[in-house]
Structure formats: C-alpha cells, structure tokens
C-alpha cells in the first residue's frame, strides 16, 4: 500500500515529466519553436514552485520546545509566501517574454529574503539571547 503523500508526489512528478516530454515532442514535430518550449517549461516550473510553496507551512514537524516550534512555523509561513510569489512572478515573467536573467533574479530575491528572515528569526529566538519581549 502506497502512502497518500507518496502517491501524490509520484503523480506530480509524472505530470511534470509528462509535460516536459510533451513540450519536447511538440518541438520535434515542428509545432512550436525551441524558445517557446524553454519558456513553457519555465512557466510550468514556476507554477510547480508556487503550488509546492503552498504546502510549506503545513509541513512543520514535532518540537519539544514551543518557542522553537513558533519560530519554525513563522519561517515556514514566510517561506511559503515568498516562494509562492516568486514562483508566480517567475511564471508570469516567462509568459511576458522578458530577458532570461529577470525571472532568475526574482527567484534569487525570494531566496535571499527567505534566508535573511530565517537567520533573523532563529537568532532573535535563540536560547542564548534570553527571553524576547
């Protein structure tokens, strides 16, 4: 018996690979140009990132310390929002056919924001800093 999360992940992976193969087959058949295939796959990747980001805040594990659990939950919420917006921005900018570095920069900004917030959140609530007000 396959666990529900594993089955969902396998279906999503199959859809992702199937979409990529369909785009490549359409290119080989001469239906769409190579540039459109790349942009289509980038749009698909951005939307996949946005969908995955919606599951981030729900993936918190178990913690013995309530302060650590609250900190992790806030980091997961911020990460979910940042990557959902970053994934949507990545998809939209690829649809608009802007130069390739711009969508990558948008994802880099989202990642830098998540890393900065995570570092701040864990340093702010670390046991060595004492109680926070």
Protein backbone atom coordinates (compact mmCIF):
# COMPACT_ATOMS: atom_id res chain seq x y z
CA UNK A 1 0.00 0.00 0.00
CA UNK A 2 1.40 3.38 -1.02
CA UNK A 3 1.14 6.25 1.44
CA UNK A 4 -1.08 9.10 0.25
CA UNK A 5 1.74 11.67 0.26
CA UNK A 6 3.98 9.39 -1.76
CA UNK A 7 1.25 8.73 -4.30
CA UNK A 8 0.62 12.48 -4.65
CA UNK A 9 4.34 13.14 -5.10
CA UNK A 10 4.64 10.40 -7.74
CA UNK A 11 1.62 11.75 -9.64
CA UNK A 12 3.04 15.29 -9.53
CA UNK A 13 6.45 14.07 -10.71
CA UNK A 14 4.81 12.09 -13.52
CA UNK A 15 2.84 15.16 -14.60
CA UNK A 16 5.97 17.29 -14.52
CA UNK A 17 7.97 14.81 -16.61
CA UNK A 18 5.00 14.21 -18.91
CA UNK A 19 4.61 17.94 -19.53
CA UNK A 20 8.30 18.27 -20.35
CA UNK A 21 8.15 15.33 -22.73
CA UNK A 22 5.01 16.71 -24.40
CA UNK A 23 6.71 20.07 -24.97
CA UNK A 24 9.78 18.36 -26.40
CA UNK A 25 7.68 16.11 -28.65
CA UNK A 26 5.78 19.15 -29.96
CA UNK A 27 9.12 20.80 -30.73
CA UNK A 28 10.42 17.72 -32.55
CA UNK A 29 7.21 17.60 -34.61
CA UNK A 30 7.80 21.21 -35.64
CA UNK A 31 4.67 22.55 -33.93
CA UNK A 32 6.43 25.03 -31.66
CA UNK A 33 9.89 26.66 -31.69
CA UNK A 34 12.64 25.86 -29.20
CA UNK A 35 12.36 29.24 -27.43
CA UNK A 36 8.68 28.62 -26.72
CA UNK A 37 9.49 25.17 -25.33
CA UNK A 38 12.02 26.67 -22.91
CA UNK A 39 9.63 29.40 -21.82
CA UNK A 40 6.77 26.90 -21.47
CA UNK A 41 8.88 24.69 -19.26
CA UNK A 42 9.90 27.72 -17.18
CA UNK A 43 6.23 28.68 -16.75
CA UNK A 44 5.46 25.12 -15.71
CA UNK A 45 8.37 25.17 -13.22
CA UNK A 46 7.25 28.47 -11.72
CA UNK A 47 3.72 27.20 -11.24
CA UNK A 48 5.04 23.97 -9.69
CA UNK A 49 7.12 26.04 -7.24
CA UNK A 50 4.06 28.14 -6.34
CA UNK A 51 1.98 25.02 -5.68
CA UNK A 52 4.75 23.42 -3.61
CA UNK A 53 5.17 26.64 -1.61
CA UNK A 54 1.55 26.39 -0.50
CA UNK A 55 2.39 23.15 1.30
CA UNK A 56 5.42 24.54 3.17
CA UNK A 57 3.57 26.00 6.20
CA UNK A 58 1.74 22.71 6.67
CA UNK A 59 4.93 20.66 6.87
CA UNK A 60 6.05 21.50 10.41
CA UNK A 61 7.34 18.58 12.42
CA UNK A 62 7.23 17.99 16.15
CA UNK A 63 9.24 20.10 18.58
CA UNK A 64 9.79 19.76 22.31
CA UNK A 65 10.29 23.49 22.76
CA UNK A 66 7.25 25.68 21.98
CA UNK A 67 9.48 28.66 21.16
CA UNK A 68 11.32 26.65 18.50
CA UNK A 69 8.01 25.44 17.08
CA UNK A 70 6.69 29.01 16.84
CA UNK A 71 9.91 30.17 15.20
CA UNK A 72 9.84 27.34 12.69
CA UNK A 73 6.18 27.96 11.93
CA UNK A 74 6.84 31.66 11.22
CA UNK A 75 9.81 30.79 8.99
CA UNK A 76 7.71 28.24 7.08
CA UNK A 77 4.91 30.78 6.63
CA UNK A 78 7.28 33.42 5.29
CA UNK A 79 9.00 30.85 3.07
CA UNK A 80 5.66 29.72 1.69
CA UNK A 81 4.58 33.25 0.82
CA UNK A 82 7.94 34.24 -0.64
CA UNK A 83 8.28 31.15 -2.83
CA UNK A 84 4.63 31.24 -3.90
CA UNK A 85 5.01 34.85 -5.03
CA UNK A 86 8.45 34.11 -6.50
CA UNK A 87 7.11 31.12 -8.43
CA UNK A 88 4.17 33.10 -9.80
CA UNK A 89 6.46 36.00 -10.74
CA UNK A 90 8.81 33.54 -12.45
CA UNK A 91 5.91 32.07 -14.44
CA UNK A 92 4.45 35.46 -15.40
CA UNK A 93 7.77 36.98 -16.45
CA UNK A 94 8.42 33.96 -18.67
CA UNK A 95 4.97 34.38 -20.22
CA UNK A 96 5.74 38.04 -20.93
CA UNK A 97 8.99 37.03 -22.63
CA UNK A 98 11.27 39.37 -20.70
CA UNK A 99 15.03 38.69 -20.87
CA UNK A 100 16.01 35.43 -19.16
CA UNK A 101 18.01 36.91 -16.24
CA UNK A 102 14.98 38.78 -14.86
CA UNK A 103 12.93 35.70 -13.82
CA UNK A 104 16.04 34.16 -12.28
CA UNK A 105 16.72 37.36 -10.35
CA UNK A 106 13.16 37.29 -9.00
CA UNK A 107 13.69 33.79 -7.62
CA UNK A 108 17.07 34.83 -6.24
CA UNK A 109 15.44 37.75 -4.41
CA UNK A 110 12.81 35.41 -2.92
CA UNK A 111 15.53 33.02 -1.78
CA UNK A 112 17.64 35.82 -0.28
CA UNK A 113 14.58 37.11 1.59
CA UNK A 114 13.83 33.65 3.00
CA UNK A 115 17.45 33.12 4.06
CA UNK A 116 17.63 36.55 5.67
CA UNK A 117 14.35 36.12 7.51
CA UNK A 118 15.32 32.63 8.65
CA UNK A 119 18.65 33.83 10.03
CA UNK A 120 16.98 36.75 11.78
CA UNK A 121 14.18 34.60 13.24
CA UNK A 122 16.48 31.93 14.62
CA UNK A 123 19.00 34.43 16.02
CA UNK A 124 16.20 36.51 17.57
CA UNK A 125 14.70 33.50 19.34
CA UNK A 126 17.86 31.54 20.13
CA UNK A 127 18.21 30.25 23.72
CA UNK A 128 21.43 32.23 24.23
CA UNK A 129 19.69 35.56 23.57
CA UNK A 130 17.37 35.14 26.54
CA UNK A 131 13.66 35.83 26.61
CA UNK A 132 12.26 38.08 23.89
CA UNK A 133 9.71 40.72 24.57
